[in-house]
PDB file of N, CA and C in Angstrom:
ATOM      1  N   MET A   1      52.359  13.202  62.698  1.00  0.00           N
ATOM      2  CA  MET A   1      53.864  12.648  62.051  1.00  0.00           C
ATOM      3  C   MET A   1      54.427  14.345  61.636  1.00  0.00           C
ATOM      4  N   ALA A   2      55.333  14.024  62.797  1.00  0.00           N
ATOM      5  CA  ALA A   2      56.057  15.232  62.375  1.00  0.00           C
ATOM      6  C   ALA A   2      57.865  15.305  61.074  1.00  0.00           C
ATOM      7  N   PHE A   3      58.127  15.872  60.458  1.00  0.00           N
ATOM      8  CA  PHE A   3      58.905  15.815  59.455  1.00  0.00           C
ATOM      9  C   PHE A   3      59.591  16.855  59.583  1.00  0.00           C
ATOM     10  N   LEU A   4      60.980  16.801  59.094  1.00  0.00           N
ATOM     11  CA  LEU A   4      62.550  17.257  58.408  1.00  0.00           C
ATOM     12  C   LEU A   4      63.050  17.385  57.070  1.00  0.00           C
ATOM     13  N   TYR A   5      62.306  18.702  57.273  1.00  0.00           N
ATOM     14  CA  TYR A   5      62.524  18.858  55.701  1.00  0.00           C
ATOM     15  C   TYR A   5      64.026  19.561  54.743  1.00  0.00           C
ATOM     16  N   ILE A   6      65.066  18.861  53.745  1.00  0.00           N
ATOM     17  CA  ILE A   6      66.185  18.956  53.605  1.00  0.00           C
ATOM     18  C   ILE A   6      66.244  19.254  51.407  1.00  0.00           C
ATOM     19  N   TRP A   7      65.924  20.531  51.597  1.00  0.00           N
ATOM     20  CA  TRP A   7      66.639  21.284  50.457  1.00  0.00           C
ATOM     21  C   TRP A   7      68.017  20.984  49.733  1.00  0.00           C
ATOM     22  N   GLU A   8      68.832  20.817  49.483  1.00  0.00           N
ATOM     23  CA  GLU A   8      70.055  20.911  48.968  1.00  0.00           C
ATOM     24  C   GLU A   8      70.337  21.786  47.433  1.00  0.00           C
ATOM     25  N   PHE A   9      71.780  21.977  47.689  1.00  0.00           N
ATOM     26  CA  PHE A   9      72.042  23.576  47.001  1.00  0.00           C
ATOM     27  C   PHE A   9      73.459  23.610  47.098  1.00  0.00           C
ATOM     28  N   SER A  10      73.609  23.771  45.901  1.00  0.00           N
ATOM     29  CA  SER A  10      75.228  24.111  45.173  1.00  0.00           C
ATOM     30  C   SER A  10      75.770  25.591  44.863  1.00  0.00           C
ATOM     31  N   GLU A  11      75.269  26.293  45.573  1.00  0.00           N
ATOM     32  CA  GLU A  11      75.450  28.166  44.776  1.00  0.00           C
ATOM     33  C   GLU A  11      74.307  28.881  45.533  1.00  0.00           C
ATOM     34  N   VAL A  12      75.272  29.350  45.904  1.00  0.00           N
ATOM     35  CA  VAL A  12      74.270  31.704  46.833  1.00  0.00           C
ATOM     36  C   VAL A  12      74.063  32.058  45.445  1.00  0.00           C
ATOM     37  N   LEU A  13      73.213  32.978  45.414  1.00  0.00           N
ATOM     38  CA  LEU A  13      73.443  33.928  44.365  1.00  0.00           C
ATOM     39  C   LEU A  13      74.028  35.652  45.429  1.00  0.00           C
ATOM     40  N   ALA A  14      74.583  36.593  44.640  1.00  0.00           N
ATOM     41  CA  ALA A  14      75.274  36.950  45.443  1.00  0.00           C
ATOM     42  C   ALA A  14      73.992  38.910  45.222  1.00  0.00           C
ATOM     43  N   LEU A  15      73.189  39.125  45.815  1.00  0.00           N
ATOM     44  CA  LEU A  15      72.606  40.305  44.768  1.00  0.00           C
ATOM     45  C   LEU A  15      73.007  41.362  45.634  1.00  0.00           C
ATOM     46  N   SER A  16      73.695  41.641  46.346  1.00  0.00           N
ATOM     47  CA  SER A  16      74.326  42.697  46.919  1.00  0.00           C
ATOM     48  C   SER A  16      76.214  42.491  47.128  1.00  0.00           C
ATOM     49  N   ASP A  17      76.953  42.930  48.060  1.00  0.00           N
ATOM     50  CA  ASP A  17      78.383  42.953  48.674  1.00  0.00           C
ATOM     51  C   ASP A  17      77.338  42.486  50.277  1.00  0.00           C
ATOM     52  N   LYS A  18      76.447  42.423  50.653  1.00  0.00           N
ATOM     53  CA  LYS A  18      76.374  42.282  51.851  1.00  0.00           C
ATOM     54  C   LYS A  18      74.353  41.281  51.890  1.00  0.00           C
ATOM     55  N   LEU A  19      74.382  40.953  50.751  1.00  0.00           N
ATOM     56  CA  LEU A  19      72.936  40.218  51.116  1.00  0.00           C
ATOM     57  C   LEU A  19      72.633  38.770  49.546  1.00  0.00           C
ATOM     58  N   MET A  20      73.264  37.894  50.328  1.00  0.00           N
ATOM     59  CA  MET A  20      73.377  36.653  49.561  1.00  0.00           C
ATOM     60  C   MET A  20      72.288  35.475  49.466  1.00  0.00           C
ATOM     61  N   ALA A  21      71.869  34.760  48.608  1.00  0.00           N
ATOM     62  CA  ALA A  21      70.291  34.178  49.121  1.00  0.00           C
ATOM     63  C   ALA A  21      70.853  32.981  48.311  1.00  0.00           C
ATOM     64  N   ALA A  22      70.190  31.803  48.545  1.00  0.00           N
ATOM     65  CA  ALA A  22      70.050  30.348  47.986  1.00  0.00           C
ATOM     66  C   ALA A  22      69.638  30.632  46.368  1.00  0.00           C
ATOM     67  N   SER A  23      70.315  29.485  45.634  1.00  0.00           N
ATOM     68  CA  SER A  23      69.851  29.699  44.292  1.00  0.00           C
ATOM     69  C   SER A  23      68.811  28.766  43.825  1.00  0.00           C
ATOM     70  N   ALA A  24      67.730  28.706  43.777  1.00  0.00           N
ATOM     71  CA  ALA A  24      66.736  27.707  43.757  1.00  0.00           C
ATOM     72  C   ALA A  24      66.670  27.586  41.945  1.00  0.00           C
ATOM     73  N   PRO A  25      66.695  26.671  41.469  1.00  0.00           N
ATOM     74  CA  PRO A  25      65.538  25.782  42.099  1.00  0.00           C
ATOM     75  C   PRO A  25      66.146  24.631  43.271  1.00  0.00           C
ATOM     76  N   GLY A  26      67.364  24.597  43.283  1.00  0.00           N
ATOM     77  CA  GLY A  26      69.158  24.145  43.972  1.00  0.00           C
ATOM     78  C   GLY A  26      68.553  22.961  43.552  1.00  0.00           C
ATOM     79  N   ILE A  27      69.741  21.730  44.127  1.00  0.00           N
ATOM     80  CA  ILE A  27      70.195  20.356  43.278  1.00  0.00           C
ATOM     81  C   ILE A  27      68.759  19.599  43.778  1.00  0.00           C
ATOM     82  N   LEU A  28      67.533  19.177  44.384  1.00  0.00           N
ATOM     83  CA  LEU A  28      67.081  18.656  44.578  1.00  0.00           C
ATOM     84  C   LEU A  28      66.540  18.864  46.465  1.00  0.00           C
ATOM     85  N   GLN A  29      64.835  18.157  46.584  1.00  0.00           N
ATOM     86  CA  GLN A  29      64.704  18.324  48.378  1.00  0.00           C
ATOM     87  C   GLN A  29      64.908  16.784  47.937  1.00  0.00           C
ATOM     88  N   GLN A  30      65.285  16.843  49.156  1.00  0.00           N
ATOM     89  CA  GLN A  30      65.368  14.933  49.818  1.00  0.00           C
ATOM     90  C   GLN A  30      62.997  14.807  49.959  1.00  0.00           C
ATOM     91  N   VAL A  31      63.379  13.322  50.351  1.00  0.00           N
ATOM     92  CA  VAL A  31      61.543  12.821  50.996  1.00  0.00           C
ATOM     93  C   VAL A  31      62.050  13.136  52.519  1.00  0.00           C
ATOM     94  N   PRO A  32      61.115  13.722  53.108  1.00  0.00           N
ATOM     95  CA  PRO A  32      61.534  14.662  54.372  1.00  0.00           C
ATOM     96  C   PRO A  32      61.350  13.205  55.145  1.00  0.00           C
ATOM     97  N   VAL A  33      62.032  13.931  56.274  1.00  0.00           N
ATOM     98  CA  VAL A  33      63.073  12.269  56.887  1.00  0.00           C
ATOM     99  C   VAL A  33      61.842  13.101  58.570  1.00  0.00           C
ATOM    100  N   THR A  34      60.918  11.304  58.660  1.00  0.00           N
ATOM    101  CA  THR A  34      59.821  11.460  59.710  1.00  0.00           C
ATOM    102  C   THR A  34      60.818  11.647  61.630  1.00  0.00           C
ATOM    103  N   ILE A  35      61.006  12.108  62.298  1.00  0.00           N
ATOM    104  CA  ILE A  35      61.332  12.933  63.449  1.00  0.00           C
ATOM    105  C   ILE A  35      60.514  11.798  64.695  1.00  0.00           C
ATOM    106  N   GLY A  36      61.234  11.282  65.378  1.00  0.00           N
ATOM    107  CA  GLY A  36      60.719  10.667  66.122  1.00  0.00           C
ATOM    108  C   GLY A  36      61.732  10.446  67.571  1.00  0.00           C
ATOM    109  N   VAL A  37      61.386   9.204  68.413  1.00  0.00           N
ATOM    110  CA  VAL A  37      62.367   8.964  69.307  1.00  0.00           C
ATOM    111  C   VAL A  37      63.739   8.755  69.332  1.00  0.00           C
ATOM    112  N   GLY A  38      63.753   7.939  67.614  1.00  0.00           N
ATOM    113  CA  GLY A  38      64.987   6.887  67.304  1.00  0.00           C
ATOM    114  C   GLY A  38      65.531   8.589  66.576  1.00  0.00           C
ATOM    115  N   SER A  39      66.639   8.164  66.695  1.00  0.00           N
ATOM    116  CA  SER A  39      67.416   8.430  65.444  1.00  0.00           C
ATOM    117  C   SER A  39      67.424   8.151  63.935  1.00  0.00           C
ATOM    118  N   ALA A  40      66.514   9.268  63.265  1.00  0.00           N
ATOM    119  CA  ALA A  40      67.181   9.174  61.642  1.00  0.00           C
ATOM    120  C   ALA A  40      67.442   9.382  60.945  1.00  0.00           C
ATOM    121  N   GLN A  41      68.036   8.993  59.661  1.00  0.00           N
ATOM    122  CA  GLN A  41      69.548   9.842  58.698  1.00  0.00           C
ATOM    123  C   GLN A  41      68.724  10.384  57.724  1.00  0.00           C
ATOM    124  N   SER A  42      68.770  11.620  57.394  1.00  0.00           N
ATOM    125  CA  SER A  42      68.477  11.169  55.463  1.00  0.00           C
ATOM    126  C   SER A  42      69.569  10.361  54.574  1.00  0.00           C
ATOM    127  N   ALA A  43      69.212  10.974  53.520  1.00  0.00           N
ATOM    128  CA  ALA A  43      70.179  10.219  52.694  1.00  0.00           C
ATOM    129  C   ALA A  43      71.338  10.909  51.929  1.00  0.00           C
ATOM    130  N   ALA A  44      72.350  10.431  51.340  1.00  0.00           N
ATOM    131  CA  ALA A  44      73.093  11.062  51.762  1.00  0.00           C
ATOM    132  C   ALA A  44      73.500  12.824  51.081  1.00  0.00           C
ATOM    133  N   PHE A  45      74.326  13.518  50.690  1.00  0.00           N
ATOM    134  CA  PHE A  45      73.897  14.785  50.301  1.00  0.00           C
ATOM    135  C   PHE A  45      74.708  14.950  49.144  1.00  0.00           C
ATOM    136  N   SER A  46      74.141  14.421  47.788  1.00  0.00           N
ATOM    137  CA  SER A  46      74.198  14.909  46.900  1.00  0.00           C
ATOM    138  C   SER A  46      76.129  15.386  46.151  1.00  0.00           C
ATOM    139  N   GLY A  47      76.634  15.304  45.222  1.00  0.00           N
ATOM    140  CA  GLY A  47      78.538  15.282  45.175  1.00  0.00           C
ATOM    141  C   GLY A  47      78.686  16.597  44.917  1.00  0.00           C
ATOM    142  N   ALA A  48      77.181  17.588  44.340  1.00  0.00           N
ATOM    143  CA  ALA A  48      77.851  18.574  44.413  1.00  0.00           C
ATOM    144  C   ALA A  48      77.115  20.196  45.263  1.00  0.00           C
ATOM    145  N   THR A  49      76.431  19.316  46.716  1.00  0.00           N
ATOM    146  CA  THR A  49      75.950  19.704  47.337  1.00  0.00           C
ATOM    147  C   THR A  49      77.373  20.318  48.397  1.00  0.00           C
ATOM    148  N   LYS A  50      76.800  22.216  48.255  1.00  0.00           N
ATOM    149  CA  LYS A  50      77.216  22.717  49.580  1.00  0.00           C
ATOM    150  C   LYS A  50      77.146  23.313  51.136  1.00  0.00           C
ATOM    151  N   PHE A  51      75.259  23.377  50.863  1.00  0.00           N
ATOM    152  CA  PHE A  51      74.504  23.418  51.741  1.00  0.00           C
ATOM    153  C   PHE A  51      73.604  23.527  51.633  1.00  0.00           C
ATOM    154  N   ILE A  52      73.052  23.349  52.398  1.00  0.00           N
ATOM    155  CA  ILE A  52      71.516  22.956  53.125  1.00  0.00           C
ATOM    156  C   ILE A  52      70.329  23.792  53.871  1.00  0.00           C
ATOM    157  N   ARG A  53      68.733  23.242  52.956  1.00  0.00           N
ATOM    158  CA  ARG A  53      68.388  24.273  54.111  1.00  0.00           C
ATOM    159  C   ARG A  53      67.185  23.533  54.465  1.00  0.00           C
ATOM    160  N   VAL A  54      67.268  23.140  55.647  1.00  0.00           N
ATOM    161  CA  VAL A  54      66.187  22.602  57.152  1.00  0.00           C
ATOM    162  C   VAL A  54      65.510  23.169  57.690  1.00  0.00           C
ATOM    163  N   HIS A  55      64.046  22.065  57.805  1.00  0.00           N
ATOM    164  CA  HIS A  55      62.939  23.264  58.017  1.00  0.00           C
ATOM    165  C   HIS A  55      62.469  21.867  58.900  1.00  0.00           C
ATOM    166  N   ASN A  56      61.643  22.576  60.149  1.00  0.00           N
ATOM    167  CA  ASN A  56      61.283  20.963  61.574  1.00  0.00           C
ATOM    168  C   ASN A  56      59.837  21.236  61.443  1.00  0.00           C
ATOM    169  N   ASP A  57      58.891  20.158  61.537  1.00  0.00           N
ATOM    170  CA  ASP A  57      57.263  20.561  62.033  1.00  0.00           C
ATOM    171  C   ASP A  57      57.587  20.983  64.282  1.00  0.00           C
ATOM    172  N   VAL A  58      58.486  19.924  64.443  1.00  0.00           N
ATOM    173  CA  VAL A  58      58.537  19.659  65.860  1.00  0.00           C
ATOM    174  C   VAL A  58      60.088  19.894  66.489  1.00  0.00           C
ATOM    175  N   VAL A  59      60.162  20.452  67.939  1.00  0.00           N
ATOM    176  CA  VAL A  59      61.125  20.549  68.990  1.00  0.00           C
ATOM    177  C   VAL A  59      62.015  19.483  68.141  1.00  0.00           C
ATOM    178  N   CYS A  60      63.352  19.564  68.191  1.00  0.00           N
ATOM    179  CA  CYS A  60      64.324  18.263  67.800  1.00  0.00           C
ATOM    180  C   CYS A  60      65.363  19.294  67.844  1.00  0.00           C
ATOM    181  N   SER A  61      66.469  17.559  67.733  1.00  0.00           N
ATOM    182  CA  SER A  61      68.167  17.585  67.481  1.00  0.00           C
ATOM    183  C   SER A  61      68.331  17.373  66.849  1.00  0.00           C
ATOM    184  N   ILE A  62      69.326  17.963  65.672  1.00  0.00           N
ATOM    185  CA  ILE A  62      69.641  17.465  64.533  1.00  0.00           C
ATOM    186  C   ILE A  62      71.523  17.214  64.895  1.00  0.00           C
ATOM    187  N   ASN A  63      72.095  16.840  63.993  1.00  0.00           N
ATOM    188  CA  ASN A  63      74.028  16.044  63.589  1.00  0.00           C
ATOM    189  C   ASN A  63      73.823  16.225  62.356  1.00  0.00           C
ATOM    190  N   ILE A  64      75.005  16.738  62.304  1.00  0.00           N
ATOM    191  CA  ILE A  64      75.000  16.784  60.443  1.00  0.00           C
ATOM    192  C   ILE A  64      76.837  16.133  60.571  1.00  0.00           C
ATOM    193  N   GLY A  65      77.214  14.969  59.549  1.00  0.00           N
ATOM    194  CA  GLY A  65      77.681  14.284  59.097  1.00  0.00           C
ATOM    195  C   GLY A  65      77.890  12.963  58.733  1.00  0.00           C
ATOM    196  N   PHE A  66      79.585  12.448  58.211  1.00  0.00           N
ATOM    197  CA  PHE A  66      78.932  11.215  57.521  1.00  0.00           C
ATOM    198  C   PHE A  66      78.770   9.866  59.063  1.00  0.00           C
ATOM    199  N   ASN A  67      77.441   9.223  58.421  1.00  0.00           N
ATOM    200  CA  ASN A  67      76.984   8.452  59.507  1.00  0.00           C
ATOM    201  C   ASN A  67      76.505   8.668  60.805  1.00  0.00           C
ATOM    202  N   PRO A  68      75.963  10.175  60.654  1.00  0.00           N
ATOM    203  CA  PRO A  68      75.859  10.971  62.402  1.00  0.00           C
ATOM    204  C   PRO A  68      74.483  10.397  63.206  1.00  0.00           C
ATOM    205  N   THR A  69      75.098   9.959  63.603  1.00  0.00           N
ATOM    206  CA  THR A  69      73.355   9.729  64.921  1.00  0.00           C
ATOM    207  C   THR A  69      72.834  10.969  65.764  1.00  0.00           C
ATOM    208  N   ALA A  70      72.301  11.175  65.884  1.00  0.00           N
ATOM    209  CA  ALA A  70      71.649  11.968  66.582  1.00  0.00           C
ATOM    210  C   ALA A  70      70.365  12.030  68.220  1.00  0.00           C
ATOM    211  N   THR A  71      71.088  12.819  68.953  1.00  0.00           N
ATOM    212  CA  THR A  71      70.677  12.939  70.609  1.00  0.00           C
ATOM    213  C   THR A  71      70.242  13.946  71.100  1.00  0.00           C
ATOM    214  N   ALA A  72      69.563  14.379  72.372  1.00  0.00           N
ATOM    215  CA  ALA A  72      69.030  15.412  72.647  1.00  0.00           C
ATOM    216  C   ALA A  72      69.813  16.369  72.855  1.00  0.00           C
ATOM    217  N   GLN A  73      71.321  16.160  73.035  1.00  0.00           N
ATOM    218  CA  GLN A  73      72.326  16.724  73.321  1.00  0.00           C
ATOM    219  C   GLN A  73      73.087  17.254  72.267  1.00  0.00           C
ATOM    220  N   ASN A  74      72.381  17.384  71.076  1.00  0.00           N
ATOM    221  CA  ASN A  74      73.313  17.621  70.306  1.00  0.00           C
ATOM    222  C   ASN A  74      71.988  19.267  69.965  1.00  0.00           C
ATOM    223  N   ALA A  75      72.350  19.544  68.546  1.00  0.00           N
ATOM    224  CA  ALA A  75      71.935  21.157  67.987  1.00  0.00           C
ATOM    225  C   ALA A  75      70.577  20.963  68.141  1.00  0.00           C
ATOM    226  N   ARG A  76      69.910  21.729  68.996  1.00  0.00           N
ATOM    227  CA  ARG A  76      68.672  21.785  69.221  1.00  0.00           C
ATOM    228  C   ARG A  76      67.389  22.053  68.122  1.00  0.00           C
ATOM    229  N   MET A  77      66.924  22.469  67.541  1.00  0.00           N
ATOM    230  CA  MET A  77      65.984  23.474  66.051  1.00  0.00           C
ATOM    231  C   MET A  77      64.549  23.777  67.622  1.00  0.00           C
ATOM    232  N   ALA A  78      63.826  24.936  67.562  1.00  0.00           N
ATOM    233  CA  ALA A  78      62.216  25.019  67.539  1.00  0.00           C
ATOM    234  C   ALA A  78      61.856  24.343  67.060  1.00  0.00           C
ATOM    235  N   ALA A  79      60.097  24.118  66.781  1.00  0.00           N
ATOM    236  CA  ALA A  79      58.931  23.666  66.274  1.00  0.00           C
ATOM    237  C   ALA A  79      59.173  24.626  65.266  1.00  0.00           C
ATOM    238  N   GLY A  80      59.277  24.367  63.756  1.00  0.00           N
ATOM    239  CA  GLY A  80      59.218  25.740  62.438  1.00  0.00           C
ATOM    240  C   GLY A  80      60.052  26.489  62.323  1.00  0.00           C
ATOM    241  N   GLN A  81      61.603  26.131  62.703  1.00  0.00           N
ATOM    242  CA  GLN A  81      62.854  26.742  62.858  1.00  0.00           C
ATOM    243  C   GLN A  81      62.920  26.062  60.804  1.00  0.00           C
ATOM    244  N   THR A  82      63.703  26.999  60.569  1.00  0.00           N
ATOM    245  CA  THR A  82      64.565  27.301  59.181  1.00  0.00           C
ATOM    246  C   THR A  82      65.817  27.653  59.402  1.00  0.00           C
ATOM    247  N   GLU A  83      66.638  26.800  58.747  1.00  0.00           N
ATOM    248  CA  GLU A  83      68.288  26.987  58.693  1.00  0.00           C
ATOM    249  C   GLU A  83      68.839  26.675  58.056  1.00  0.00           C
ATOM    250  N   TYR A  84      69.410  27.401  57.903  1.00  0.00           N
ATOM    251  CA  TYR A  84      70.953  27.295  56.419  1.00  0.00           C
ATOM    252  C   TYR A  84      72.883  26.350  57.358  1.00  0.00           C
ATOM    253  N   PHE A  85      72.866  25.262  56.569  1.00  0.00           N
ATOM    254  CA  PHE A  85      74.560  24.641  57.343  1.00  0.00           C
ATOM    255  C   PHE A  85      75.309  24.327  56.155  1.00  0.00           C
ATOM    256  N   GLY A  86      76.475  24.810  56.103  1.00  0.00           N
ATOM    257  CA  GLY A  86      77.122  24.140  54.703  1.00  0.00           C
ATOM    258  C   GLY A  86      77.323  22.664  55.697  1.00  0.00           C
ATOM    259  N   VAL A  87      77.447  21.985  54.129  1.00  0.00           N
ATOM    260  CA  VAL A  87      77.769  20.964  54.661  1.00  0.00           C
ATOM    261  C   VAL A  87      78.563  20.043  53.218  1.00  0.00           C
ATOM    262  N   TRP A  88      79.066  18.624  53.073  1.00  0.00           N
ATOM    263  CA  TRP A  88      80.342  18.274  52.465  1.00  0.00           C
ATOM    264  C   TRP A  88      79.030  17.130  51.587  1.00  0.00           C
ATOM    265  N   PRO A  89      79.741  16.958  49.667  1.00  0.00           N
ATOM    266  CA  PRO A  89      79.123  15.954  49.064  1.00  0.00           C
ATOM    267  C   PRO A  89      79.116  14.733  50.189  1.00  0.00           C
ATOM    268  N   GLY A  90      77.774  13.748  50.876  1.00  0.00           N
ATOM    269  CA  GLY A  90      78.070  12.398  51.169  1.00  0.00           C
ATOM    270  C   GLY A  90      77.429  12.031  52.122  1.00  0.00           C
ATOM    271  N   GLN A  91      77.628  13.578  53.056  1.00  0.00           N
ATOM    272  CA  GLN A  91      76.447  14.221  54.479  1.00  0.00           C
ATOM    273  C   GLN A  91      76.198  13.491  54.492  1.00  0.00           C
ATOM    274  N   GLN A  92      75.119  13.247  56.070  1.00  0.00           N
ATOM    275  CA  GLN A  92      73.517  13.235  55.840  1.00  0.00           C
ATOM    276  C   GLN A  92      73.273  14.399  57.175  1.00  0.00           C
ATOM    277  N   ILE A  93      71.482  14.176  57.286  1.00  0.00           N
ATOM    278  CA  ILE A  93      71.659  14.928  58.125  1.00  0.00           C
ATOM    279  C   ILE A  93      71.386  13.895  59.180  1.00  0.00           C
ATOM    280  N   ALA A  94      70.732  14.126  60.769  1.00  0.00           N
ATOM    281  CA  ALA A  94      69.725  12.976  61.802  1.00  0.00           C
ATOM    282  C   ALA A  94      69.218  13.849  62.263  1.00  0.00           C
ATOM    283  N   VAL A  95      68.515  13.108  62.105  1.00  0.00           N
ATOM    284  CA  VAL A  95      67.555  13.950  63.640  1.00  0.00           C
ATOM    285  C   VAL A  95      66.369  12.590  64.471  1.00  0.00           C
ATOM    286  N   ILE A  96      66.919  13.591  65.702  1.00  0.00           N
ATOM    287  CA  ILE A  96      65.704  13.044  66.872  1.00  0.00           C
ATOM    288  C   ILE A  96      64.154  13.792  67.323  1.00  0.00           C
ATOM    289  N   THR A  97      64.005  13.493  68.055  1.00  0.00           N
ATOM    290  CA  THR A  97      62.448  13.912  68.545  1.00  0.00           C
ATOM    291  C   THR A  97      63.514  15.132  70.495  1.00  0.00           C
ATOM    292  N   ASN A  98      62.992  16.334  70.608  1.00  0.00           N
ATOM    293  CA  ASN A  98      63.666  16.823  71.866  1.00  0.00           C
ATOM    294  C   ASN A  98      62.403  17.264  72.532  1.00  0.00           C
ATOM    295  N   THR A  99      62.539  17.941  73.897  1.00  0.00           N
ATOM    296  CA  THR A  99      61.534  19.323  74.582  1.00  0.00           C
ATOM    297  C   THR A  99      61.782  20.239  74.145  1.00  0.00           C
TER     298      THR A  99
END
């Protein structure tokens, strides 16, 4: 079984004028979302969440929004990819398998 792992953050640390990093431990790490042939949504992001870190096990497509649905035409992520996205509180991320 493949999963999308989601870590929510409210702050970044400015390590220098050119280097910033997520402020761990962050707000929370959500229960991983199962990646399958149908679109699956995460829980809504916390009221303090400003950005998220996502990591996936398999090739997939994601969509972020309020009640999003993921399709194969949405943003594609390679297997084992990790990305950070700015988000609004209450939004969710949806994921679906892709090739």
